[in-house]
Amino acid sequence: APDGTATAASILETAVNDFHSLQISSTSQTDLSQSIFVKPRGRDNICLRFVTTGGDWYTITFNLTGNGSITQEIPGSISNWTINSKSIAQLSNGWYRISAGATTTAATTYMFSVLGCDSSTPTLAADYGYPRYVGDITKGYYVWGLQVEANSFPTSYIPTSGATEYRSQDIVDITGTNFSSWWNSSEGSIVTVAHNF
């Protein structure tokens, strides 16, 4: 796992022509985010999806090579989702943290999905926005630290040990010699931004 423990899960595909996913449901919220740590195990692309019912979905595809990238975003035909944030961060030892935050106008139970992909631009099923392909039982991903939050953007990882947790805001406080060793109150800086219209 990204924290150095042997706690990551290995997810392998099945040899059927269908979608290959890890899913979790959530109670009704208007602001939602999901994040997860992933590492390729034969598959270099993975999707995050917000979905309520057929047609009301939004799927984002991430490429898990190099620095990582977002390669595709597709909303469903009646999508009520507005994507507020999305990111991929390369970590050490082949791990990436992928995330997306969204707001929805629908009032129902939501399903969050981490979907296997056989392409960086997969063809998505029109009804529920998942890639359908013949799986390979030797391919998949390592996953760890799936986090679903009632925010329109994801925050840093919060260890939960299987129970709901709450957190204080991330606030940085620099005081004493940690601050005075480099700050000179008698000097300053001026920043100018000019536009030519």
N, C-alpha and C. Protein backbone atom coordinates (compact mmCIF):
# COMPACT_ATOMS: atom_id res chain seq x y z
N ALA A 1 0.84 -1.19 0.00
CA ALA A 1 0.00 0.00 0.00
C ALA A 1 0.88 1.25 0.00
N PRO A 2 0.31 2.41 -0.34
CA PRO A 2 1.11 3.64 -0.34
C PRO A 2 1.73 3.98 1.01
N ASP A 3 1.15 3.50 2.12
CA ASP A 3 1.72 3.79 3.43
C ASP A 3 2.76 2.75 3.87
N GLY A 4 3.12 1.83 2.97
CA GLY A 4 4.15 0.85 3.27
C GLY A 4 3.65 -0.43 3.93
N THR A 5 2.36 -0.51 4.22
CA THR A 5 1.81 -1.72 4.82
C THR A 5 1.33 -2.68 3.74
N ALA A 6 1.10 -3.94 4.13
CA ALA A 6 0.60 -4.95 3.19
C ALA A 6 -0.91 -5.00 3.26
N THR A 7 -1.57 -3.86 3.00
CA THR A 7 -3.02 -3.77 3.17
C THR A 7 -3.77 -3.42 1.89
N ALA A 8 -3.08 -3.31 0.75
CA ALA A 8 -3.76 -3.02 -0.51
C ALA A 8 -4.51 -4.27 -0.99
N ALA A 9 -5.56 -4.05 -1.76
CA ALA A 9 -6.32 -5.16 -2.32
C ALA A 9 -5.95 -5.32 -3.79
N SER A 10 -5.92 -6.57 -4.25
CA SER A 10 -5.67 -6.87 -5.64
C SER A 10 -7.01 -7.19 -6.30
N ILE A 11 -7.38 -6.41 -7.32
CA ILE A 11 -8.63 -6.59 -8.04
C ILE A 11 -8.31 -7.12 -9.43
N LEU A 12 -8.79 -8.33 -9.75
CA LEU A 12 -8.59 -8.92 -11.06
C LEU A 12 -9.91 -9.02 -11.81
N GLU A 13 -9.83 -8.93 -13.14
CA GLU A 13 -11.02 -9.01 -13.98
C GLU A 13 -11.52 -10.45 -14.08
N THR A 14 -12.74 -10.59 -14.55
CA THR A 14 -13.28 -11.90 -14.90
C THR A 14 -13.28 -12.02 -16.42
N ALA A 15 -13.29 -13.23 -16.93
CA ALA A 15 -13.19 -13.46 -18.38
C ALA A 15 -14.56 -13.41 -19.05
N VAL A 16 -15.27 -12.32 -18.84
CA VAL A 16 -16.59 -12.14 -19.46
C VAL A 16 -16.64 -10.80 -20.17
N ASN A 17 -17.53 -10.66 -21.12
CA ASN A 17 -17.71 -9.40 -21.85
C ASN A 17 -18.72 -8.56 -21.08
N ASP A 18 -18.23 -7.76 -20.16
CA ASP A 18 -19.09 -6.98 -19.28
C ASP A 18 -18.26 -5.86 -18.67
N PHE A 19 -18.82 -5.17 -17.67
CA PHE A 19 -18.03 -4.17 -16.97
C PHE A 19 -17.34 -4.83 -15.77
N HIS A 20 -16.19 -4.27 -15.39
CA HIS A 20 -15.37 -4.82 -14.31
C HIS A 20 -15.15 -3.68 -13.32
N SER A 21 -15.74 -3.80 -12.11
CA SER A 21 -15.78 -2.61 -11.27
C SER A 21 -15.73 -2.92 -9.78
N LEU A 22 -15.44 -1.88 -9.04
CA LEU A 22 -15.53 -1.83 -7.58
C LEU A 22 -16.52 -0.70 -7.31
N GLN A 23 -17.60 -0.98 -6.56
CA GLN A 23 -18.65 0.02 -6.38
C GLN A 23 -19.03 0.18 -4.91
N ILE A 24 -19.45 1.41 -4.57
CA ILE A 24 -19.93 1.70 -3.22
C ILE A 24 -21.09 2.68 -3.35
N SER A 25 -22.12 2.48 -2.57
CA SER A 25 -23.27 3.39 -2.64
C SER A 25 -23.20 4.41 -1.51
N SER A 26 -23.90 5.52 -1.71
CA SER A 26 -23.91 6.60 -0.74
C SER A 26 -25.34 7.13 -0.60
N THR A 27 -25.64 7.68 0.56
CA THR A 27 -26.95 8.30 0.75
C THR A 27 -27.01 9.62 -0.02
N SER A 28 -28.19 10.16 -0.15
CA SER A 28 -28.43 11.35 -0.95
C SER A 28 -27.62 12.55 -0.45
N GLN A 29 -26.85 13.15 -1.34
CA GLN A 29 -26.08 14.36 -1.09
C GLN A 29 -26.08 15.18 -2.37
N THR A 30 -25.89 16.48 -2.25
CA THR A 30 -25.74 17.28 -3.46
C THR A 30 -24.28 17.51 -3.82
N ASP A 31 -23.40 17.51 -2.83
CA ASP A 31 -21.96 17.66 -3.07
C ASP A 31 -21.28 16.35 -2.70
N LEU A 32 -20.51 15.80 -3.64
CA LEU A 32 -19.90 14.49 -3.45
C LEU A 32 -18.51 14.45 -4.05
N SER A 33 -17.63 13.67 -3.44
CA SER A 33 -16.32 13.43 -4.04
C SER A 33 -15.88 12.02 -3.74
N GLN A 34 -15.00 11.52 -4.58
CA GLN A 34 -14.43 10.20 -4.37
C GLN A 34 -12.95 10.24 -4.75
N SER A 35 -12.18 9.45 -4.02
CA SER A 35 -10.75 9.33 -4.31
C SER A 35 -10.30 7.93 -3.95
N ILE A 36 -9.24 7.47 -4.60
CA ILE A 36 -8.71 6.15 -4.34
C ILE A 36 -7.26 6.09 -4.82
N PHE A 37 -6.46 5.30 -4.13
CA PHE A 37 -5.09 5.03 -4.55
C PHE A 37 -5.12 3.79 -5.43
N VAL A 38 -4.49 3.86 -6.60
CA VAL A 38 -4.50 2.74 -7.54
C VAL A 38 -3.09 2.50 -8.09
N LYS A 39 -2.84 1.23 -8.42
CA LYS A 39 -1.56 0.84 -9.02
C LYS A 39 -1.87 -0.18 -10.10
N PRO A 40 -1.33 0.01 -11.32
CA PRO A 40 -1.63 -0.93 -12.39
C PRO A 40 -1.16 -2.36 -12.07
N ARG A 41 -1.97 -3.32 -12.46
CA ARG A 41 -1.58 -4.73 -12.44
C ARG A 41 -1.99 -5.31 -13.79
N GLY A 42 -1.37 -4.79 -14.84
CA GLY A 42 -1.68 -5.23 -16.20
C GLY A 42 -2.61 -4.29 -16.95
N ARG A 43 -3.31 -3.40 -16.25
CA ARG A 43 -4.18 -2.41 -16.89
C ARG A 43 -3.67 -1.01 -16.56
N ASP A 44 -3.48 -0.19 -17.60
CA ASP A 44 -2.92 1.15 -17.41
C ASP A 44 -3.97 2.26 -17.40
N ASN A 45 -5.25 1.90 -17.51
CA ASN A 45 -6.32 2.89 -17.53
C ASN A 45 -7.42 2.48 -16.57
N ILE A 46 -8.04 3.48 -15.94
CA ILE A 46 -9.09 3.21 -14.97
C ILE A 46 -10.06 4.39 -14.98
N CYS A 47 -11.32 4.14 -14.67
CA CYS A 47 -12.34 5.19 -14.67
C CYS A 47 -12.92 5.40 -13.28
N LEU A 48 -13.30 6.64 -12.99
CA LEU A 48 -14.15 6.97 -11.86
C LEU A 48 -15.49 7.39 -12.44
N ARG A 49 -16.59 6.95 -11.79
CA ARG A 49 -17.91 7.27 -12.32
C ARG A 49 -18.84 7.67 -11.18
N PHE A 50 -19.61 8.72 -11.41
CA PHE A 50 -20.75 9.09 -10.56
C PHE A 50 -22.00 8.63 -11.31
N VAL A 51 -22.94 7.98 -10.63
CA VAL A 51 -24.13 7.50 -11.33
C VAL A 51 -25.31 7.41 -10.36
N THR A 52 -26.49 7.76 -10.86
CA THR A 52 -27.72 7.55 -10.09
C THR A 52 -28.57 6.51 -10.82
N THR A 53 -29.07 6.86 -11.98
CA THR A 53 -29.90 5.95 -12.76
C THR A 53 -29.40 5.93 -14.20
N GLY A 54 -30.07 5.13 -15.04
CA GLY A 54 -29.67 5.08 -16.44
C GLY A 54 -29.67 6.46 -17.07
N GLY A 55 -28.58 6.81 -17.73
CA GLY A 55 -28.45 8.10 -18.39
C GLY A 55 -27.92 9.20 -17.49
N ASP A 56 -28.11 9.07 -16.17
CA ASP A 56 -27.64 10.10 -15.23
C ASP A 56 -26.31 9.68 -14.63
N TRP A 57 -25.25 9.85 -15.41
CA TRP A 57 -23.92 9.44 -14.98
C TRP A 57 -22.86 10.37 -15.57
N TYR A 58 -21.66 10.29 -15.01
CA TYR A 58 -20.51 11.04 -15.53
C TYR A 58 -19.28 10.18 -15.28
N THR A 59 -18.52 9.88 -16.33
CA THR A 59 -17.37 8.97 -16.23
C THR A 59 -16.10 9.69 -16.67
N ILE A 60 -15.05 9.57 -15.85
CA ILE A 60 -13.74 10.18 -16.12
C ILE A 60 -12.71 9.06 -16.22
N THR A 61 -11.90 9.08 -17.29
CA THR A 61 -10.87 8.05 -17.50
C THR A 61 -9.50 8.62 -17.18
N PHE A 62 -8.71 7.84 -16.43
CA PHE A 62 -7.36 8.21 -16.02
C PHE A 62 -6.36 7.22 -16.61
N ASN A 63 -5.22 7.73 -17.09
CA ASN A 63 -4.13 6.88 -17.57
C ASN A 63 -3.06 6.78 -16.50
N LEU A 64 -2.69 5.55 -16.16
CA LEU A 64 -1.75 5.29 -15.06
C LEU A 64 -0.36 4.98 -15.57
N THR A 65 0.20 5.88 -16.41
CA THR A 65 1.58 5.77 -16.86
C THR A 65 2.25 7.12 -16.71
N GLY A 66 3.57 7.12 -16.56
CA GLY A 66 4.32 8.37 -16.41
C GLY A 66 3.81 9.19 -15.26
N ASN A 67 3.57 10.47 -15.52
CA ASN A 67 3.03 11.35 -14.48
C ASN A 67 1.54 11.14 -14.25
N GLY A 68 0.90 10.35 -15.12
CA GLY A 68 -0.54 10.16 -15.04
C GLY A 68 -1.26 11.27 -15.78
N SER A 69 -2.43 10.95 -16.33
CA SER A 69 -3.19 11.97 -17.06
C SER A 69 -4.67 11.61 -17.09
N ILE A 70 -5.48 12.61 -17.36
CA ILE A 70 -6.91 12.41 -17.58
C ILE A 70 -7.11 12.38 -19.09
N THR A 71 -7.64 11.28 -19.61
CA THR A 71 -7.70 11.09 -21.06
C THR A 71 -9.09 11.22 -21.65
N GLN A 72 -10.14 11.17 -20.80
CA GLN A 72 -11.50 11.26 -21.34
C GLN A 72 -12.48 11.64 -20.25
N GLU A 73 -13.48 12.45 -20.61
CA GLU A 73 -14.60 12.77 -19.71
C GLU A 73 -15.88 12.72 -20.53
N ILE A 74 -16.86 11.94 -20.08
CA ILE A 74 -18.11 11.83 -20.82
C ILE A 74 -19.29 11.85 -19.85
N PRO A 75 -20.24 12.77 -20.07
CA PRO A 75 -21.48 12.76 -19.28
C PRO A 75 -22.53 11.90 -19.95
N GLY A 76 -23.47 11.38 -19.15
CA GLY A 76 -24.59 10.63 -19.70
C GLY A 76 -25.58 11.53 -20.42
N SER A 77 -26.55 10.92 -21.06
CA SER A 77 -27.50 11.67 -21.87
C SER A 77 -28.41 12.59 -21.06
N ILE A 78 -28.65 12.27 -19.78
CA ILE A 78 -29.46 13.15 -18.92
C ILE A 78 -28.68 13.49 -17.65
N SER A 79 -27.37 13.67 -17.80
CA SER A 79 -26.51 13.85 -16.63
C SER A 79 -26.86 15.10 -15.83
N ASN A 80 -27.06 14.90 -14.51
CA ASN A 80 -27.27 16.01 -13.58
C ASN A 80 -25.99 16.37 -12.83
N TRP A 81 -24.86 15.83 -13.27
CA TRP A 81 -23.59 16.01 -12.57
C TRP A 81 -22.80 17.18 -13.13
N THR A 82 -22.29 18.04 -12.23
CA THR A 82 -21.32 19.08 -12.59
C THR A 82 -20.01 18.70 -11.91
N ILE A 83 -18.96 18.49 -12.69
CA ILE A 83 -17.68 18.09 -12.13
C ILE A 83 -16.94 19.36 -11.69
N ASN A 84 -16.61 19.43 -10.39
CA ASN A 84 -15.94 20.61 -9.82
C ASN A 84 -14.43 20.44 -9.74
N SER A 85 -13.97 19.21 -9.63
CA SER A 85 -12.53 18.97 -9.52
C SER A 85 -12.23 17.55 -9.98
N LYS A 86 -11.05 17.37 -10.51
CA LYS A 86 -10.57 16.05 -10.90
C LYS A 86 -9.05 16.10 -10.94
N SER A 87 -8.40 15.02 -10.51
CA SER A 87 -6.94 15.05 -10.49
C SER A 87 -6.37 13.65 -10.45
N ILE A 88 -5.12 13.56 -10.88
CA ILE A 88 -4.33 12.35 -10.74
C ILE A 88 -2.95 12.79 -10.26
N ALA A 89 -2.45 12.13 -9.23
CA ALA A 89 -1.13 12.46 -8.67
C ALA A 89 -0.28 11.21 -8.66
N GLN A 90 0.90 11.30 -9.25
CA GLN A 90 1.83 10.17 -9.25
C GLN A 90 2.54 10.11 -7.89
N LEU A 91 2.57 8.93 -7.31
CA LEU A 91 3.24 8.71 -6.04
C LEU A 91 4.42 7.77 -6.27
N SER A 92 5.03 7.28 -5.22
CA SER A 92 6.16 6.37 -5.36
C SER A 92 5.69 4.93 -5.58
N ASN A 93 6.58 4.08 -6.04
CA ASN A 93 6.36 2.64 -6.16
C ASN A 93 5.18 2.29 -7.09
N GLY A 94 4.94 3.11 -8.11
CA GLY A 94 3.90 2.81 -9.09
C GLY A 94 2.49 3.20 -8.71
N TRP A 95 2.32 3.85 -7.55
CA TRP A 95 0.98 4.24 -7.09
C TRP A 95 0.57 5.60 -7.63
N TYR A 96 -0.75 5.77 -7.79
CA TYR A 96 -1.35 7.05 -8.16
C TYR A 96 -2.55 7.27 -7.24
N ARG A 97 -2.84 8.54 -6.96
CA ARG A 97 -4.11 8.86 -6.30
C ARG A 97 -4.97 9.58 -7.32
N ILE A 98 -6.13 9.01 -7.62
CA ILE A 98 -7.07 9.63 -8.55
C ILE A 98 -8.28 10.10 -7.77
N SER A 99 -8.86 11.21 -8.22
CA SER A 99 -10.00 11.76 -7.48
C SER A 99 -10.88 12.60 -8.39
N ALA A 100 -12.12 12.79 -7.94
CA ALA A 100 -13.06 13.67 -8.64
C ALA A 100 -14.09 14.16 -7.63
N GLY A 101 -14.49 15.41 -7.79
CA GLY A 101 -15.54 15.98 -6.95
C GLY A 101 -16.65 16.52 -7.83
N ALA A 102 -17.88 16.40 -7.35
CA ALA A 102 -19.02 16.79 -8.21
C ALA A 102 -20.17 17.34 -7.38
N THR A 103 -21.05 18.03 -8.07
CA THR A 103 -22.32 18.49 -7.52
C THR A 103 -23.42 17.94 -8.42
N THR A 104 -24.54 17.53 -7.81
CA THR A 104 -25.65 17.02 -8.59
C THR A 104 -26.95 17.69 -8.18
N THR A 105 -27.87 17.77 -9.12
CA THR A 105 -29.19 18.31 -8.82
C THR A 105 -30.20 17.20 -8.55
N ALA A 106 -29.79 15.95 -8.77
CA ALA A 106 -30.69 14.81 -8.51
C ALA A 106 -30.73 14.52 -7.02
N ALA A 107 -31.86 14.04 -6.53
CA ALA A 107 -32.02 13.72 -5.11
C ALA A 107 -32.34 12.24 -4.96
N THR A 108 -31.30 11.44 -4.86
CA THR A 108 -31.48 9.99 -4.77
C THR A 108 -30.21 9.38 -4.21
N THR A 109 -30.18 8.05 -4.11
CA THR A 109 -28.98 7.35 -3.67
C THR A 109 -28.00 7.29 -4.84
N TYR A 110 -26.72 7.48 -4.55
CA TYR A 110 -25.70 7.53 -5.59
C TYR A 110 -24.82 6.31 -5.52
N MET A 111 -24.25 5.96 -6.65
CA MET A 111 -23.29 4.88 -6.73
C MET A 111 -21.97 5.44 -7.24
N PHE A 112 -20.90 5.17 -6.50
CA PHE A 112 -19.57 5.56 -6.94
C PHE A 112 -18.89 4.33 -7.49
N SER A 113 -18.23 4.45 -8.62
CA SER A 113 -17.63 3.29 -9.26
C SER A 113 -16.20 3.55 -9.65
N VAL A 114 -15.34 2.56 -9.41
CA VAL A 114 -14.00 2.50 -9.96
C VAL A 114 -14.06 1.40 -11.01
N LEU A 115 -13.93 1.79 -12.28
CA LEU A 115 -14.18 0.88 -13.39
C LEU A 115 -12.89 0.52 -14.12
N GLY A 116 -12.71 -0.76 -14.39
CA GLY A 116 -11.60 -1.19 -15.22
C GLY A 116 -11.79 -0.70 -16.64
N CYS A 117 -10.69 -0.42 -17.34
CA CYS A 117 -10.74 0.06 -18.73
C CYS A 117 -9.73 -0.70 -19.56
N ASP A 118 -10.07 -0.98 -20.81
CA ASP A 118 -9.12 -1.61 -21.73
C ASP A 118 -8.54 -0.60 -22.72
N SER A 119 -8.82 0.70 -22.49
CA SER A 119 -8.37 1.75 -23.40
C SER A 119 -8.33 3.08 -22.65
N SER A 120 -7.52 4.02 -23.14
CA SER A 120 -7.49 5.36 -22.54
C SER A 120 -8.69 6.20 -22.97
N THR A 121 -9.39 5.75 -24.01
CA THR A 121 -10.63 6.40 -24.46
C THR A 121 -11.68 5.32 -24.70
N PRO A 122 -12.15 4.68 -23.64
CA PRO A 122 -13.06 3.54 -23.81
C PRO A 122 -14.42 3.96 -24.34
N THR A 123 -15.06 3.04 -25.05
CA THR A 123 -16.44 3.22 -25.45
C THR A 123 -17.31 2.88 -24.24
N LEU A 124 -18.20 3.80 -23.86
CA LEU A 124 -19.02 3.63 -22.67
C LEU A 124 -20.43 3.22 -23.02
N ALA A 125 -21.00 2.32 -22.23
CA ALA A 125 -22.40 1.93 -22.42
C ALA A 125 -23.30 3.13 -22.18
N ALA A 126 -24.23 3.39 -23.08
CA ALA A 126 -25.06 4.58 -23.00
C ALA A 126 -25.96 4.58 -21.77
N ASP A 127 -26.36 3.38 -21.30
CA ASP A 127 -27.32 3.35 -20.20
C ASP A 127 -26.70 3.73 -18.86
N TYR A 128 -25.50 3.19 -18.54
CA TYR A 128 -24.91 3.48 -17.23
C TYR A 128 -23.46 3.95 -17.27
N GLY A 129 -22.91 4.24 -18.43
CA GLY A 129 -21.61 4.88 -18.54
C GLY A 129 -20.42 4.05 -18.14
N TYR A 130 -20.46 2.73 -18.35
CA TYR A 130 -19.32 1.90 -18.01
C TYR A 130 -18.69 1.31 -19.27
N PRO A 131 -17.36 1.06 -19.25
CA PRO A 131 -16.73 0.38 -20.38
C PRO A 131 -17.08 -1.11 -20.32
N ARG A 132 -17.47 -1.67 -21.44
CA ARG A 132 -17.74 -3.12 -21.52
C ARG A 132 -16.70 -3.76 -22.42
N TYR A 133 -16.01 -4.76 -21.91
CA TYR A 133 -14.99 -5.46 -22.70
C TYR A 133 -14.77 -6.85 -22.09
N VAL A 134 -14.12 -7.73 -22.87
CA VAL A 134 -13.81 -9.07 -22.38
C VAL A 134 -12.63 -8.96 -21.43
N GLY A 135 -12.84 -9.31 -20.18
CA GLY A 135 -11.80 -9.20 -19.18
C GLY A 135 -10.73 -10.27 -19.32
N ASP A 136 -9.59 -9.99 -18.70
CA ASP A 136 -8.45 -10.89 -18.67
C ASP A 136 -8.19 -11.23 -17.21
N ILE A 137 -8.29 -12.51 -16.84
CA ILE A 137 -8.18 -12.90 -15.42
C ILE A 137 -6.79 -12.66 -14.84
N THR A 138 -5.82 -12.29 -15.68
CA THR A 138 -4.47 -12.00 -15.18
C THR A 138 -4.24 -10.50 -15.02
N LYS A 139 -5.26 -9.68 -15.36
CA LYS A 139 -5.07 -8.23 -15.34
C LYS A 139 -6.04 -7.53 -14.39
N GLY A 140 -5.61 -6.38 -13.91
CA GLY A 140 -6.44 -5.59 -13.02
C GLY A 140 -5.64 -4.48 -12.36
N TYR A 141 -5.87 -4.28 -11.05
CA TYR A 141 -5.28 -3.16 -10.31
C TYR A 141 -5.04 -3.55 -8.87
N TYR A 142 -4.17 -2.81 -8.23
CA TYR A 142 -4.10 -2.79 -6.78
C TYR A 142 -4.85 -1.53 -6.35
N VAL A 143 -5.65 -1.63 -5.30
CA VAL A 143 -6.41 -0.47 -4.81
C VAL A 143 -6.24 -0.35 -3.31
N TRP A 144 -6.38 0.88 -2.82
CA TRP A 144 -6.22 1.14 -1.39
C TRP A 144 -6.82 2.52 -1.08
N GLY A 145 -7.42 2.65 0.07
CA GLY A 145 -7.82 3.96 0.57
C GLY A 145 -8.96 4.62 -0.19
N LEU A 146 -9.97 3.85 -0.62
CA LEU A 146 -11.15 4.46 -1.24
C LEU A 146 -11.83 5.38 -0.24
N GLN A 147 -12.12 6.58 -0.67
CA GLN A 147 -12.71 7.59 0.22
C GLN A 147 -13.84 8.31 -0.49
N VAL A 148 -15.02 8.32 0.13
CA VAL A 148 -16.18 9.04 -0.37
C VAL A 148 -16.52 10.13 0.63
N GLU A 149 -16.69 11.37 0.16
CA GLU A 149 -16.91 12.51 1.05
C GLU A 149 -18.10 13.34 0.59
N ALA A 150 -18.75 13.97 1.55
CA ALA A 150 -19.87 14.88 1.26
C ALA A 150 -19.32 16.28 0.99
N ASN A 151 -18.41 16.39 0.04
CA ASN A 151 -17.80 17.65 -0.40
C ASN A 151 -17.83 17.69 -1.92
N SER A 152 -17.77 18.87 -2.48
CA SER A 152 -17.68 18.98 -3.94
C SER A 152 -16.25 18.81 -4.43
N PHE A 153 -15.30 18.63 -3.52
CA PHE A 153 -13.90 18.38 -3.87
C PHE A 153 -13.33 17.41 -2.84
N PRO A 154 -12.39 16.55 -3.22
CA PRO A 154 -11.80 15.61 -2.27
C PRO A 154 -10.75 16.28 -1.40
N THR A 155 -10.59 15.77 -0.18
CA THR A 155 -9.55 16.27 0.72
C THR A 155 -8.44 15.23 0.83
N SER A 156 -7.47 15.49 1.67
CA SER A 156 -6.40 14.53 1.87
C SER A 156 -6.97 13.26 2.51
N TYR A 157 -6.22 12.18 2.40
CA TYR A 157 -6.69 10.88 2.87
C TYR A 157 -6.98 10.89 4.37
N ILE A 158 -8.12 10.32 4.76
CA ILE A 158 -8.53 10.23 6.16
C ILE A 158 -8.65 8.74 6.52
N PRO A 159 -7.74 8.17 7.31
CA PRO A 159 -7.88 6.77 7.70
C PRO A 159 -9.16 6.58 8.52
N THR A 160 -9.97 5.59 8.15
CA THR A 160 -11.26 5.41 8.81
C THR A 160 -11.39 4.08 9.54
N SER A 161 -10.62 3.07 9.18
CA SER A 161 -10.71 1.73 9.78
C SER A 161 -12.13 1.19 9.70
N GLY A 162 -12.84 1.47 8.62
CA GLY A 162 -14.16 0.91 8.39
C GLY A 162 -15.32 1.67 8.99
N ALA A 163 -15.06 2.80 9.62
CA ALA A 163 -16.13 3.59 10.23
C ALA A 163 -16.08 5.02 9.71
N THR A 164 -17.20 5.72 9.77
CA THR A 164 -17.26 7.12 9.34
C THR A 164 -16.38 7.97 10.26
N GLU A 165 -15.60 8.85 9.66
CA GLU A 165 -14.73 9.76 10.42
C GLU A 165 -14.99 11.19 9.99
N TYR A 166 -14.71 12.12 10.89
CA TYR A 166 -14.83 13.55 10.61
C TYR A 166 -13.49 14.19 10.86
N ARG A 167 -13.24 15.31 10.22
CA ARG A 167 -11.95 15.95 10.36
C ARG A 167 -12.10 17.45 10.52
N SER A 168 -11.07 18.03 11.09
CA SER A 168 -10.98 19.49 11.14
C SER A 168 -10.43 19.98 9.81
N GLN A 169 -10.52 21.26 9.57
CA GLN A 169 -9.96 21.83 8.36
C GLN A 169 -8.44 21.68 8.37
N ASP A 170 -7.85 21.56 7.16
CA ASP A 170 -6.39 21.56 7.03
C ASP A 170 -5.91 23.00 7.16
N ILE A 171 -5.28 23.34 8.29
CA ILE A 171 -4.79 24.69 8.54
C ILE A 171 -3.30 24.62 8.87
N VAL A 172 -2.51 25.42 8.17
CA VAL A 172 -1.08 25.47 8.42
C VAL A 172 -0.77 26.67 9.30
N ASP A 173 0.02 26.44 10.34
CA ASP A 173 0.39 27.50 11.27
C ASP A 173 1.90 27.49 11.44
N ILE A 174 2.57 28.58 11.01
CA ILE A 174 4.03 28.69 11.14
C ILE A 174 4.31 29.77 12.18
N THR A 175 4.96 29.40 13.27
CA THR A 175 5.23 30.36 14.35
C THR A 175 6.67 30.24 14.82
N GLY A 176 7.06 31.18 15.66
CA GLY A 176 8.38 31.13 16.30
C GLY A 176 9.50 31.20 15.29
N THR A 177 10.59 30.48 15.56
CA THR A 177 11.77 30.53 14.69
C THR A 177 11.53 29.88 13.34
N ASN A 178 10.50 29.01 13.25
CA ASN A 178 10.16 28.44 11.94
C ASN A 178 9.72 29.54 10.98
N PHE A 179 9.20 30.64 11.52
CA PHE A 179 8.73 31.76 10.71
C PHE A 179 9.76 32.89 10.68
N SER A 180 10.28 33.26 11.84
CA SER A 180 11.17 34.42 11.93
C SER A 180 12.53 34.19 11.29
N SER A 181 12.92 32.94 11.06
CA SER A 181 14.24 32.67 10.46
C SER A 181 14.32 33.12 9.01
N TRP A 182 13.20 33.29 8.32
CA TRP A 182 13.25 33.69 6.92
C TRP A 182 12.39 34.92 6.61
N TRP A 183 11.51 35.35 7.52
CA TRP A 183 10.64 36.49 7.27
C TRP A 183 11.29 37.77 7.77
N ASN A 184 11.35 38.78 6.92
CA ASN A 184 11.91 40.08 7.30
C ASN A 184 10.78 41.10 7.14
N SER A 185 10.24 41.57 8.25
CA SER A 185 9.09 42.48 8.19
C SER A 185 9.44 43.86 7.64
N SER A 186 10.73 44.20 7.56
CA SER A 186 11.10 45.52 7.03
C SER A 186 11.26 45.49 5.50
N GLU A 187 11.13 44.32 4.89
CA GLU A 187 11.21 44.22 3.45
C GLU A 187 9.88 43.72 2.90
N GLY A 188 9.70 43.85 1.61
CA GLY A 188 8.45 43.41 1.01
C GLY A 188 8.62 43.10 -0.46
N SER A 189 7.53 42.72 -1.10
CA SER A 189 7.53 42.40 -2.53
C SER A 189 6.33 43.07 -3.19
N ILE A 190 6.50 43.40 -4.45
CA ILE A 190 5.41 43.96 -5.24
C ILE A 190 5.20 43.04 -6.45
N VAL A 191 3.97 42.64 -6.67
CA VAL A 191 3.62 41.81 -7.82
C VAL A 191 2.69 42.61 -8.71
N THR A 192 3.00 42.69 -10.00
CA THR A 192 2.19 43.43 -10.96
C THR A 192 1.75 42.52 -12.08
N VAL A 193 0.49 42.56 -12.41
CA VAL A 193 -0.03 41.82 -13.55
C VAL A 193 -0.61 42.83 -14.52
N ALA A 194 -0.13 42.80 -15.78
CA ALA A 194 -0.59 43.75 -16.78
C ALA A 194 -1.21 43.01 -17.96
N HIS A 195 -2.27 43.55 -18.49
CA HIS A 195 -2.94 42.96 -19.64
C HIS A 195 -2.94 43.98 -20.78
N ASN A 196 -2.71 43.50 -21.98
CA ASN A 196 -2.75 44.35 -23.17
C ASN A 196 -4.03 44.00 -23.93
N PHE A 197 -5.01 44.91 -23.88
CA PHE A 197 -6.30 44.65 -24.53
C PHE A 197 -6.37 45.32 -25.87
